[in-house]
Amino acid sequence: AASGRTVSGYVMGWFRQAPGKEREFAAAISRNGGNTNYADSV
């Protein structure tokens, strides 16, 4: 959930970090939702 600004102006992403590991990319979505991208693992 976003607040402060409308999220429509932002590219959004999900990242994850497991114990002892670096933060890694999981998924991302463009501003209008028309383009998505995923890590191979997910």
Full PDB file with SEQRES, HELIX, SHEET, SSBOND, CRYST1, ORIGX, SCALE, CONECT and MASTER records, all heavy atoms in Angstrom:
SEQRES   1 A   42  ALA ALA SER GLY ARG THR VAL SER GLY TYR VAL MET GLY          
SEQRES   2 A   42  TRP PHE ARG GLN ALA PRO GLY LYS GLU ARG GLU PHE ALA          
SEQRES   3 A   42  ALA ALA ILE SER ARG ASN GLY GLY ASN THR ASN TYR ALA          
SEQRES   4 A   42  ASP SER VAL                                                  
HELIX    1 AA1 VAL A    7  GLY A    9  5                                   3    
SHEET    1 AA1 3 MET A  12  ARG A  16  0                                        
SHEET    2 AA1 3 GLU A  24  ILE A  29 -1                                        
SHEET    3 AA1 3 THR A  36  TYR A  38 -1                                        
CRYST1    1.000    1.000    1.000  90.00  90.00  90.00 P 1           1          
ORIGX1      1.000000  0.000000  0.000000        0.00000                         
ORIGX2      0.000000  1.000000  0.000000        0.00000                         
ORIGX3      0.000000  0.000000  1.000000        0.00000                         
SCALE1      1.000000  0.000000  0.000000        0.00000                         
SCALE2      0.000000  1.000000  0.000000        0.00000                         
SCALE3      0.000000  0.000000  1.000000        0.00000                         
ATOM      1  N   ALA A   1       0.841  -1.190   0.000  1.00  0.00           N  
ATOM      2  CA  ALA A   1       0.000   0.000   0.000  1.00  0.00           C  
ATOM      3  C   ALA A   1       0.875   1.239   0.000  1.00  0.00           C  
ATOM      4  O   ALA A   1       1.776   1.378   0.831  1.00  0.00           O  
ATOM      5  CB  ALA A   1      -0.921  -0.008   1.208  1.00  0.00           C  
ATOM      6  N   ALA A   2       0.598   2.140  -0.925  1.00  0.00           N  
ATOM      7  CA  ALA A   2       1.370   3.371  -1.045  1.00  0.00           C  
ATOM      8  C   ALA A   2       0.582   4.548  -0.513  1.00  0.00           C  
ATOM      9  O   ALA A   2      -0.642   4.601  -0.632  1.00  0.00           O  
ATOM     10  CB  ALA A   2       1.750   3.612  -2.498  1.00  0.00           C  
ATOM     11  N   SER A   3       1.285   5.499   0.048  1.00  0.00           N  
ATOM     12  CA  SER A   3       0.666   6.738   0.506  1.00  0.00           C  
ATOM     13  C   SER A   3       1.635   7.883   0.247  1.00  0.00           C  
ATOM     14  O   SER A   3       2.820   7.673   0.011  1.00  0.00           O  
ATOM     15  CB  SER A   3       0.307   6.661   1.988  1.00  0.00           C  
ATOM     16  OG  SER A   3       1.467   6.462   2.775  1.00  0.00           O  
ATOM     17  N   GLY A   4       1.100   9.084   0.284  1.00  0.00           N  
ATOM     18  CA  GLY A   4       1.938  10.252   0.063  1.00  0.00           C  
ATOM     19  C   GLY A   4       1.893  10.751  -1.359  1.00  0.00           C  
ATOM     20  O   GLY A   4       1.846  11.948  -1.617  1.00  0.00           O  
ATOM     21  N   ARG A   5       1.956   9.847  -2.309  1.00  0.00           N  
ATOM     22  CA  ARG A   5       1.856  10.190  -3.724  1.00  0.00           C  
ATOM     23  C   ARG A   5       1.051   9.098  -4.409  1.00  0.00           C  
ATOM     24  O   ARG A   5       1.008   7.957  -3.946  1.00  0.00           O  
ATOM     25  CB  ARG A   5       3.252  10.255  -4.356  1.00  0.00           C  
ATOM     26  CG  ARG A   5       4.130  11.389  -3.855  1.00  0.00           C  
ATOM     27  CD  ARG A   5       3.806  12.689  -4.556  1.00  0.00           C  
ATOM     28  NE  ARG A   5       4.659  13.777  -4.093  1.00  0.00           N  
ATOM     29  CZ  ARG A   5       5.794  14.104  -4.661  1.00  0.00           C  
ATOM     30  NH1 ARG A   5       6.214  13.418  -5.719  1.00  0.00           N  
ATOM     31  NH2 ARG A   5       6.516  15.090  -4.182  1.00  0.00           N  
ATOM     32  N   THR A   6       0.450   9.424  -5.519  1.00  0.00           N  
ATOM     33  CA  THR A   6      -0.245   8.399  -6.267  1.00  0.00           C  
ATOM     34  C   THR A   6       0.764   7.445  -6.908  1.00  0.00           C  
ATOM     35  O   THR A   6       1.744   7.876  -7.518  1.00  0.00           O  
ATOM     36  CB  THR A   6      -1.157   9.015  -7.341  1.00  0.00           C  
ATOM     37  OG1 THR A   6      -1.724   7.966  -8.116  1.00  0.00           O  
ATOM     38  CG2 THR A   6      -0.389   9.959  -8.248  1.00  0.00           C  
ATOM     39  N   VAL A   7       0.510   6.155  -6.761  1.00  0.00           N  
ATOM     40  CA  VAL A   7       1.468   5.161  -7.216  1.00  0.00           C  
ATOM     41  C   VAL A   7       1.518   5.080  -8.734  1.00  0.00           C  
ATOM     42  O   VAL A   7       2.426   4.480  -9.308  1.00  0.00           O  
ATOM     43  CB  VAL A   7       1.141   3.795  -6.576  1.00  0.00           C  
ATOM     44  CG1 VAL A   7      -0.087   3.162  -7.238  1.00  0.00           C  
ATOM     45  CG2 VAL A   7       2.334   2.861  -6.651  1.00  0.00           C  
ATOM     46  N   SER A   8       0.561   5.691  -9.414  1.00  0.00           N  
ATOM     47  CA  SER A   8       0.519   5.614 -10.874  1.00  0.00           C  
ATOM     48  C   SER A   8       1.734   6.264 -11.524  1.00  0.00           C  
ATOM     49  O   SER A   8       2.044   5.990 -12.685  1.00  0.00           O  
ATOM     50  CB  SER A   8      -0.760   6.265 -11.395  1.00  0.00           C  
ATOM     51  OG  SER A   8      -0.797   7.644 -11.039  1.00  0.00           O  
ATOM     52  N   GLY A   9       2.435   7.100 -10.795  1.00  0.00           N  
ATOM     53  CA  GLY A   9       3.618   7.744 -11.336  1.00  0.00           C  
ATOM     54  C   GLY A   9       4.897   6.962 -11.134  1.00  0.00           C  
ATOM     55  O   GLY A   9       5.985   7.451 -11.461  1.00  0.00           O  
ATOM     56  N   TYR A  10       4.787   5.738 -10.650  1.00  0.00           N  
ATOM     57  CA  TYR A  10       5.956   4.973 -10.262  1.00  0.00           C  
ATOM     58  C   TYR A  10       5.984   3.599 -10.899  1.00  0.00           C  
ATOM     59  O   TYR A  10       4.953   2.918 -10.975  1.00  0.00           O  
ATOM     60  CB  TYR A  10       6.004   4.799  -8.739  1.00  0.00           C  
ATOM     61  CG  TYR A  10       6.181   6.095  -7.993  1.00  0.00           C  
ATOM     62  CD1 TYR A  10       5.088   6.905  -7.702  1.00  0.00           C  
ATOM     63  CD2 TYR A  10       7.442   6.514  -7.586  1.00  0.00           C  
ATOM     64  CE1 TYR A  10       5.248   8.102  -7.036  1.00  0.00           C  
ATOM     65  CE2 TYR A  10       7.612   7.706  -6.916  1.00  0.00           C  
ATOM     66  CZ  TYR A  10       6.516   8.495  -6.639  1.00  0.00           C  
ATOM     67  OH  TYR A  10       6.688   9.682  -5.972  1.00  0.00           O  
ATOM     68  N   VAL A  11       7.165   3.203 -11.320  1.00  0.00           N  
ATOM     69  CA  VAL A  11       7.432   1.801 -11.608  1.00  0.00           C  
ATOM     70  C   VAL A  11       7.542   1.108 -10.258  1.00  0.00           C  
ATOM     71  O   VAL A  11       8.183   1.629  -9.336  1.00  0.00           O  
ATOM     72  CB  VAL A  11       8.738   1.633 -12.400  1.00  0.00           C  
ATOM     73  CG1 VAL A  11       9.057   0.156 -12.603  1.00  0.00           C  
ATOM     74  CG2 VAL A  11       8.656   2.364 -13.725  1.00  0.00           C  
ATOM     75  N   MET A  12       6.916  -0.063 -10.133  1.00  0.00           N  
ATOM     76  CA  MET A  12       6.910  -0.772  -8.853  1.00  0.00           C  
ATOM     77  C   MET A  12       7.627  -2.109  -8.983  1.00  0.00           C  
ATOM     78  O   MET A  12       7.536  -2.780 -10.026  1.00  0.00           O  
ATOM     79  CB  MET A  12       5.484  -1.005  -8.392  1.00  0.00           C  
ATOM     80  CG  MET A  12       4.675   0.274  -8.227  1.00  0.00           C  
ATOM     81  SD  MET A  12       5.349   1.389  -6.983  1.00  0.00           S  
ATOM     82  CE  MET A  12       5.130   0.419  -5.492  1.00  0.00           C  
ATOM     83  N   GLY A  13       8.317  -2.481  -7.917  1.00  0.00           N  
ATOM     84  CA  GLY A  13       9.036  -3.747  -7.926  1.00  0.00           C  
ATOM     85  C   GLY A  13       8.896  -4.472  -6.608  1.00  0.00           C  
ATOM     86  O   GLY A  13       8.596  -3.864  -5.573  1.00  0.00           O  
ATOM     87  N   TRP A  14       9.085  -5.772  -6.686  1.00  0.00           N  
ATOM     88  CA  TRP A  14       9.193  -6.613  -5.491  1.00  0.00           C  
ATOM     89  C   TRP A  14      10.581  -7.242  -5.482  1.00  0.00           C  
ATOM     90  O   TRP A  14      11.038  -7.787  -6.500  1.00  0.00           O  
ATOM     91  CB  TRP A  14       8.137  -7.714  -5.494  1.00  0.00           C  
ATOM     92  CG  TRP A  14       6.765  -7.266  -5.147  1.00  0.00           C  
ATOM     93  CD1 TRP A  14       5.763  -6.956  -6.020  1.00  0.00           C  
ATOM     94  CD2 TRP A  14       6.216  -7.108  -3.839  1.00  0.00           C  
ATOM     95  NE1 TRP A  14       4.630  -6.596  -5.337  1.00  0.00           N  
ATOM     96  CE2 TRP A  14       4.878  -6.686  -3.989  1.00  0.00           C  
ATOM     97  CE3 TRP A  14       6.716  -7.264  -2.549  1.00  0.00           C  
ATOM     98  CZ2 TRP A  14       4.040  -6.429  -2.903  1.00  0.00           C  
ATOM     99  CZ3 TRP A  14       5.898  -7.011  -1.477  1.00  0.00           C  
ATOM    100  CH2 TRP A  14       4.565  -6.597  -1.649  1.00  0.00           C  
ATOM    101  N   PHE A  15      11.219  -7.166  -4.347  1.00  0.00           N  
ATOM    102  CA  PHE A  15      12.516  -7.778  -4.126  1.00  0.00           C  
ATOM    103  C   PHE A  15      12.409  -8.668  -2.890  1.00  0.00           C  
ATOM    104  O   PHE A  15      11.469  -8.544  -2.101  1.00  0.00           O  
ATOM    105  CB  PHE A  15      13.591  -6.705  -3.898  1.00  0.00           C  
ATOM    106  CG  PHE A  15      13.908  -5.903  -5.121  1.00  0.00           C  
ATOM    107  CD1 PHE A  15      13.046  -4.904  -5.564  1.00  0.00           C  
ATOM    108  CD2 PHE A  15      15.061  -6.141  -5.847  1.00  0.00           C  
ATOM    109  CE1 PHE A  15      13.331  -4.169  -6.709  1.00  0.00           C  
ATOM    110  CE2 PHE A  15      15.362  -5.409  -6.984  1.00  0.00           C  
ATOM    111  CZ  PHE A  15      14.494  -4.425  -7.408  1.00  0.00           C  
ATOM    112  N   ARG A  16      13.374  -9.543  -2.733  1.00  0.00           N  
ATOM    113  CA  ARG A  16      13.376 -10.399  -1.556  1.00  0.00           C  
ATOM    114  C   ARG A  16      14.800 -10.612  -1.065  1.00  0.00           C  
ATOM    115  O   ARG A  16      15.759 -10.540  -1.840  1.00  0.00           O  
ATOM    116  CB  ARG A  16      12.696 -11.724  -1.854  1.00  0.00           C  
ATOM    117  CG  ARG A  16      13.411 -12.585  -2.883  1.00  0.00           C  
ATOM    118  CD  ARG A  16      12.551 -13.808  -3.201  1.00  0.00           C  
ATOM    119  NE  ARG A  16      13.250 -14.743  -4.082  1.00  0.00           N  
ATOM    120  CZ  ARG A  16      12.718 -15.880  -4.518  1.00  0.00           C  
ATOM    121  NH1 ARG A  16      11.477 -16.226  -4.158  1.00  0.00           N  
ATOM    122  NH2 ARG A  16      13.413 -16.673  -5.316  1.00  0.00           N  
ATOM    123  N   GLN A  17      14.895 -10.884   0.230  1.00  0.00           N  
ATOM    124  CA  GLN A  17      16.203 -11.117   0.832  1.00  0.00           C  
ATOM    125  C   GLN A  17      16.097 -12.262   1.827  1.00  0.00           C  
ATOM    126  O   GLN A  17      15.366 -12.162   2.823  1.00  0.00           O  
ATOM    127  CB  GLN A  17      16.728  -9.870   1.527  1.00  0.00           C  
ATOM    128  CG  GLN A  17      18.154 -10.012   2.012  1.00  0.00           C  
ATOM    129  CD  GLN A  17      18.763  -8.675   2.405  1.00  0.00           C  
ATOM    130  OE1 GLN A  17      18.065  -7.696   2.623  1.00  0.00           O  
ATOM    131  NE2 GLN A  17      20.091  -8.636   2.474  1.00  0.00           N  
ATOM    132  N   ALA A  18      16.800 -13.335   1.530  1.00  0.00           N  
ATOM    133  CA  ALA A  18      16.854 -14.491   2.419  1.00  0.00           C  
ATOM    134  C   ALA A  18      17.998 -14.311   3.408  1.00  0.00           C  
ATOM    135  O   ALA A  18      18.940 -13.562   3.144  1.00  0.00           O  
ATOM    136  CB  ALA A  18      17.044 -15.762   1.605  1.00  0.00           C  
ATOM    137  N   PRO A  19      17.937 -14.991   4.543  1.00  0.00           N  
ATOM    138  CA  PRO A  19      19.005 -14.863   5.546  1.00  0.00           C  
ATOM    139  C   PRO A  19      20.367 -15.188   4.954  1.00  0.00           C  
ATOM    140  O   PRO A  19      20.542 -16.213   4.293  1.00  0.00           O  
ATOM    141  CB  PRO A  19      18.602 -15.882   6.614  1.00  0.00           C  
ATOM    142  CG  PRO A  19      17.133 -16.010   6.467  1.00  0.00           C  
ATOM    143  CD  PRO A  19      16.848 -15.866   5.013  1.00  0.00           C  
ATOM    144  N   GLY A  20      21.321 -14.289   5.177  1.00  0.00           N  
ATOM    145  CA  GLY A  20      22.677 -14.509   4.714  1.00  0.00           C  
ATOM    146  C   GLY A  20      22.889 -14.274   3.241  1.00  0.00           C  
ATOM    147  O   GLY A  20      23.982 -14.516   2.725  1.00  0.00           O  
ATOM    148  N   LYS A  21      21.858 -13.786   2.547  1.00  0.00           N  
ATOM    149  CA  LYS A  21      21.975 -13.558   1.109  1.00  0.00           C  
ATOM    150  C   LYS A  21      21.694 -12.106   0.780  1.00  0.00           C  
ATOM    151  O   LYS A  21      21.110 -11.367   1.570  1.00  0.00           O  
ATOM    152  CB  LYS A  21      21.012 -14.463   0.339  1.00  0.00           C  
ATOM    153  CG  LYS A  21      21.317 -15.941   0.474  1.00  0.00           C  
ATOM    154  CD  LYS A  21      20.438 -16.753  -0.454  1.00  0.00           C  
ATOM    155  CE  LYS A  21      20.802 -18.234  -0.401  1.00  0.00           C  
ATOM    156  NZ  LYS A  21      19.957 -19.034  -1.344  1.00  0.00           N  
ATOM    157  N   GLU A  22      22.119 -11.711  -0.412  1.00  0.00           N  
ATOM    158  CA  GLU A  22      21.860 -10.347  -0.860  1.00  0.00           C  
ATOM    159  C   GLU A  22      20.404 -10.207  -1.318  1.00  0.00           C  
ATOM    160  O   GLU A  22      19.759 -11.185  -1.697  1.00  0.00           O  
ATOM    161  CB  GLU A  22      22.801  -9.988  -2.011  1.00  0.00           C  
ATOM    162  CG  GLU A  22      24.262  -9.892  -1.594  1.00  0.00           C  
ATOM    163  CD  GLU A  22      25.127  -9.362  -2.715  1.00  0.00           C  
ATOM    164  OE1 GLU A  22      24.620  -9.163  -3.826  1.00  0.00           O  
ATOM    165  OE2 GLU A  22      26.327  -9.140  -2.463  1.00  0.00           O  
ATOM    166  N   ARG A  23      19.944  -8.972  -1.290  1.00  0.00           N  
ATOM    167  CA  ARG A  23      18.604  -8.694  -1.795  1.00  0.00           C  
ATOM    168  C   ARG A  23      18.567  -8.982  -3.290  1.00  0.00           C  
ATOM    169  O   ARG A  23      19.469  -8.597  -4.041  1.00  0.00           O  
ATOM    170  CB  ARG A  23      18.234  -7.242  -1.526  1.00  0.00           C  
ATOM    171  CG  ARG A  23      16.796  -6.897  -1.766  1.00  0.00           C  
ATOM    172  CD  ARG A  23      16.463  -5.509  -1.269  1.00  0.00           C  
ATOM    173  NE  ARG A  23      16.647  -5.403   0.180  1.00  0.00           N  
ATOM    174  CZ  ARG A  23      16.265  -4.354   0.902  1.00  0.00           C  
ATOM    175  NH1 ARG A  23      15.671  -3.334   0.312  1.00  0.00           N  
ATOM    176  NH2 ARG A  23      16.485  -4.328   2.196  1.00  0.00           N  
ATOM    177  N   GLU A  24      17.506  -9.655  -3.728  1.00  0.00           N  
ATOM    178  CA  GLU A  24      17.403 -10.006  -5.140  1.00  0.00           C  
ATOM    179  C   GLU A  24      16.063  -9.586  -5.720  1.00  0.00           C  
ATOM    180  O   GLU A  24      15.051  -9.519  -5.020  1.00  0.00           O  
ATOM    181  CB  GLU A  24      17.604 -11.512  -5.344  1.00  0.00           C  
ATOM    182  CG  GLU A  24      16.541 -12.387  -4.731  1.00  0.00           C  
ATOM    183  CD  GLU A  24      16.721 -13.862  -5.089  1.00  0.00           C  
ATOM    184  OE1 GLU A  24      17.769 -14.246  -5.632  1.00  0.00           O  
ATOM    185  OE2 GLU A  24      15.777 -14.637  -4.816  1.00  0.00           O  
ATOM    186  N   PHE A  25      16.095  -9.344  -7.012  1.00  0.00           N  
ATOM    187  CA  PHE A  25      14.898  -8.954  -7.750  1.00  0.00           C  
ATOM    188  C   PHE A  25      13.936 -10.129  -7.868  1.00  0.00           C  
ATOM    189  O   PHE A  25      14.360 -11.269  -8.085  1.00  0.00           O  
ATOM    190  CB  PHE A  25      15.325  -8.484  -9.142  1.00  0.00           C  
ATOM    191  CG  PHE A  25      14.203  -8.291 -10.109  1.00  0.00           C  
ATOM    192  CD1 PHE A  25      13.399  -7.163 -10.029  1.00  0.00           C  
ATOM    193  CD2 PHE A  25      13.959  -9.219 -11.098  1.00  0.00           C  
ATOM    194  CE1 PHE A  25      12.366  -6.977 -10.938  1.00  0.00           C  
ATOM    195  CE2 PHE A  25      12.940  -9.043 -12.013  1.00  0.00           C  
ATOM    196  CZ  PHE A  25      12.141  -7.919 -11.927  1.00  0.00           C  
ATOM    197  N   ALA A  26      12.639  -9.843  -7.718  1.00  0.00           N  
ATOM    198  CA  ALA A  26      11.622 -10.866  -7.937  1.00  0.00           C  
ATOM    199  C   ALA A  26      10.723 -10.512  -9.114  1.00  0.00           C  
ATOM    200  O   ALA A  26      10.527 -11.317 -10.021  1.00  0.00           O  
ATOM    201  CB  ALA A  26      10.793 -11.060  -6.670  1.00  0.00           C  
ATOM    202  N   ALA A  27      10.166  -9.297  -9.097  1.00  0.00           N  
ATOM    203  CA  ALA A  27       9.214  -8.914 -10.142  1.00  0.00           C  
ATOM    204  C   ALA A  27       9.109  -7.404 -10.203  1.00  0.00           C  
ATOM    205  O   ALA A  27       9.384  -6.711  -9.226  1.00  0.00           O  
ATOM    206  CB  ALA A  27       7.843  -9.520  -9.867  1.00  0.00           C  
ATOM    207  N   ALA A  28       8.694  -6.910 -11.369  1.00  0.00           N  
ATOM    208  CA  ALA A  28       8.484  -5.481 -11.540  1.00  0.00           C  
ATOM    209  C   ALA A  28       7.335  -5.253 -12.508  1.00  0.00           C  
ATOM    210  O   ALA A  28       7.043  -6.110 -13.360  1.00  0.00           O  
ATOM    211  CB  ALA A  28       9.740  -4.793 -12.059  1.00  0.00           C  
ATOM    212  N   ILE A  29       6.706  -4.082 -12.376  1.00  0.00           N  
ATOM    213  CA  ILE A  29       5.575  -3.747 -13.232  1.00  0.00           C  
ATOM    214  C   ILE A  29       5.667  -2.286 -13.620  1.00  0.00           C  
ATOM    215  O   ILE A  29       6.028  -1.428 -12.806  1.00  0.00           O  
ATOM    216  CB  ILE A  29       4.240  -4.081 -12.521  1.00  0.00           C  
ATOM    217  CG1 ILE A  29       3.057  -3.911 -13.462  1.00  0.00           C  
ATOM    218  CG2 ILE A  29       4.071  -3.240 -11.256  1.00  0.00           C  
ATOM    219  CD1 ILE A  29       1.772  -4.540 -12.933  1.00  0.00           C  
ATOM    220  N   SER A  30       5.348  -2.010 -14.866  1.00  0.00           N  
ATOM    221  CA  SER A  30       5.431  -0.641 -15.364  1.00  0.00           C  
ATOM    222  C   SER A  30       4.311   0.213 -14.790  1.00  0.00           C  
ATOM    223  O   SER A  30       3.367  -0.276 -14.171  1.00  0.00           O  
ATOM    224  CB  SER A  30       5.364  -0.650 -16.889  1.00  0.00           C  
ATOM    225  OG  SER A  30       4.140  -1.229 -17.324  1.00  0.00           O  
ATOM    226  N   ARG A  31       4.417   1.488 -15.037  1.00  0.00           N  
ATOM    227  CA  ARG A  31       3.460   2.432 -14.458  1.00  0.00           C  
ATOM    228  C   ARG A  31       2.024   2.105 -14.808  1.00  0.00           C  
ATOM    229  O   ARG A  31       1.132   2.201 -13.971  1.00  0.00           O  
ATOM    230  CB  ARG A  31       3.797   3.844 -14.928  1.00  0.00           C  
ATOM    231  CG  ARG A  31       4.987   4.478 -14.270  1.00  0.00           C  
ATOM    232  CD  ARG A  31       5.208   5.852 -14.847  1.00  0.00           C  
ATOM    233  NE  ARG A  31       3.989   6.650 -14.810  1.00  0.00           N  
ATOM    234  CZ  ARG A  31       3.823   7.808 -15.419  1.00  0.00           C  
ATOM    235  NH1 ARG A  31       4.835   8.313 -16.127  1.00  0.00           N  
ATOM    236  NH2 ARG A  31       2.710   8.464 -15.339  1.00  0.00           N  
ATOM    237  N   ASN A  32       1.795   1.731 -16.043  1.00  0.00           N  
ATOM    238  CA  ASN A  32       0.418   1.471 -16.459  1.00  0.00           C  
ATOM    239  C   ASN A  32       0.041  -0.002 -16.375  1.00  0.00           C  
ATOM    240  O   ASN A  32      -1.065  -0.388 -16.769  1.00  0.00           O  
ATOM    241  CB  ASN A  32       0.196   1.972 -17.887  1.00  0.00           C  
ATOM    242  CG  ASN A  32       1.107   1.299 -18.896  1.00  0.00           C  
ATOM    243  OD1 ASN A  32       1.853   0.379 -18.563  1.00  0.00           O  
ATOM    244  ND2 ASN A  32       1.048   1.738 -20.136  1.00  0.00           N  
ATOM    245  N   GLY A  33       0.960  -0.821 -15.874  1.00  0.00           N  
ATOM    246  CA  GLY A  33       0.691  -2.245 -15.724  1.00  0.00           C  
ATOM    247  C   GLY A  33       0.822  -3.050 -16.992  1.00  0.00           C  
ATOM    248  O   GLY A  33       0.623  -4.266 -16.984  1.00  0.00           O  
ATOM    249  N   GLY A  34       1.184  -2.413 -18.082  1.00  0.00           N  
ATOM    250  CA  GLY A  34       1.236  -3.110 -19.350  1.00  0.00           C  
ATOM    251  C   GLY A  34       2.474  -3.944 -19.574  1.00  0.00           C  
ATOM    252  O   GLY A  34       2.518  -4.780 -20.476  1.00  0.00           O  
ATOM    253  N   ASN A  35       3.479  -3.744 -18.761  1.00  0.00           N  
ATOM    254  CA  ASN A  35       4.728  -4.483 -18.905  1.00  0.00           C  
ATOM    255  C   ASN A  35       5.141  -5.027 -17.554  1.00  0.00           C  
ATOM    256  O   ASN A  35       5.158  -4.295 -16.561  1.00  0.00           O  
ATOM    257  CB  ASN A  35       5.820  -3.567 -19.462  1.00  0.00           C  
ATOM    258  CG  ASN A  35       7.078  -4.308 -19.827  1.00  0.00           C  
ATOM    259  OD1 ASN A  35       7.081  -5.534 -19.949  1.00  0.00           O  
ATOM    260  ND2 ASN A  35       8.172  -3.588 -19.998  1.00  0.00           N  
ATOM    261  N   THR A  36       5.456  -6.311 -17.514  1.00  0.00           N  
ATOM    262  CA  THR A  36       5.936  -6.937 -16.297  1.00  0.00           C  
ATOM    263  C   THR A  36       7.219  -7.698 -16.587  1.00  0.00           C  
ATOM    264  O   THR A  36       7.512  -8.042 -17.737  1.00  0.00           O  
ATOM    265  CB  THR A  36       4.900  -7.912 -15.704  1.00  0.00           C  
ATOM    266  OG1 THR A  36       4.578  -8.907 -16.692  1.00  0.00           O  
ATOM    267  CG2 THR A  36       3.634  -7.189 -15.290  1.00  0.00           C  
ATOM    268  N   ASN A  37       7.971  -7.951 -15.543  1.00  0.00           N  
ATOM    269  CA  ASN A  37       9.225  -8.674 -15.688  1.00  0.00           C  
ATOM    270  C   ASN A  37       9.460  -9.490 -14.428  1.00  0.00           C  
ATOM    271  O   ASN A  37       9.136  -9.014 -13.329  1.00  0.00           O  
ATOM    272  CB  ASN A  37      10.374  -7.692 -15.926  1.00  0.00           C  
ATOM    273  CG  ASN A  37      11.643  -8.377 -16.371  1.00  0.00           C  
ATOM    274  OD1 ASN A  37      12.452  -8.824 -15.566  1.00  0.00           O  
ATOM    275  ND2 ASN A  37      11.829  -8.476 -17.682  1.00  0.00           N  
ATOM    276  N   TYR A  38      10.009 -10.686 -14.592  1.00  0.00           N  
ATOM    277  CA  TYR A  38      10.179 -11.589 -13.462  1.00  0.00           C  
ATOM    278  C   TYR A  38      11.574 -12.196 -13.444  1.00  0.00           C  
ATOM    279  O   TYR A  38      12.184 -12.428 -14.496  1.00  0.00           O  
ATOM    280  CB  TYR A  38       9.163 -12.738 -13.538  1.00  0.00           C  
ATOM    281  CG  TYR A  38       7.735 -12.282 -13.468  1.00  0.00           C  
ATOM    282  CD1 TYR A  38       7.017 -12.011 -14.623  1.00  0.00           C  
ATOM    283  CD2 TYR A  38       7.101 -12.131 -12.238  1.00  0.00           C  
ATOM    284  CE1 TYR A  38       5.706 -11.579 -14.557  1.00  0.00           C  
ATOM    285  CE2 TYR A  38       5.787 -11.703 -12.164  1.00  0.00           C  
ATOM    286  CZ  TYR A  38       5.095 -11.427 -13.327  1.00  0.00           C  
ATOM    287  OH  TYR A  38       3.794 -11.009 -13.255  1.00  0.00           O  
ATOM    288  N   ALA A  39      12.042 -12.483 -12.249  1.00  0.00           N  
ATOM    289  CA  ALA A  39      13.254 -13.281 -12.119  1.00  0.00           C  
ATOM    290  C   ALA A  39      12.958 -14.696 -12.600  1.00  0.00           C  
ATOM    291  O   ALA A  39      11.829 -15.180 -12.459  1.00  0.00           O  
ATOM    292  CB  ALA A  39      13.713 -13.302 -10.668  1.00  0.00           C  
ATOM    293  N   ASP A  40      13.952 -15.345 -13.151  1.00  0.00           N  
ATOM    294  CA  ASP A  40      13.749 -16.709 -13.643  1.00  0.00           C  
ATOM    295  C   ASP A  40      13.269 -17.636 -12.534  1.00  0.00           C  
ATOM    296  O   ASP A  40      12.505 -18.567 -12.789  1.00  0.00           O  
ATOM    297  CB  ASP A  40      15.056 -17.247 -14.225  1.00  0.00           C  
ATOM    298  CG  ASP A  40      15.410 -16.593 -15.551  1.00  0.00           C  
ATOM    299  OD1 ASP A  40      14.522 -15.972 -16.178  1.00  0.00           O  
ATOM    300  OD2 ASP A  40      16.570 -16.700 -15.966  1.00  0.00           O  
ATOM    301  N   SER A  41      13.699 -17.382 -11.318  1.00  0.00           N  
ATOM    302  CA  SER A  41      13.367 -18.264 -10.198  1.00  0.00           C  
ATOM    303  C   SER A  41      11.894 -18.233  -9.819  1.00  0.00           C  
ATOM    304  O   SER A  41      11.406 -19.144  -9.150  1.00  0.00           O  
ATOM    305  CB  SER A  41      14.218 -17.902  -8.973  1.00  0.00           C  
ATOM    306  OG  SER A  41      14.012 -16.543  -8.613  1.00  0.00           O  
ATOM    307  N   VAL A  42      11.179 -17.187 -10.233  1.00  0.00           N  
ATOM    308  CA  VAL A  42       9.761 -17.070  -9.865  1.00  0.00           C  
ATOM    309  C   VAL A  42       8.846 -17.065 -11.076  1.00  0.00           C  
ATOM    310  O   VAL A  42       7.612 -17.110 -10.918  1.00  0.00           O  
ATOM    311  CB  VAL A  42       9.506 -15.794  -9.031  1.00  0.00           C  
ATOM    312  CG1 VAL A  42      10.457 -15.736  -7.838  1.00  0.00           C  
ATOM    313  CG2 VAL A  42       9.609 -14.532  -9.868  1.00  0.00           C  
TER     314      VAL A  42                                                      
MASTER        0    0    0    1    3    0    0    6  313    1    0    4          
END                                                                             
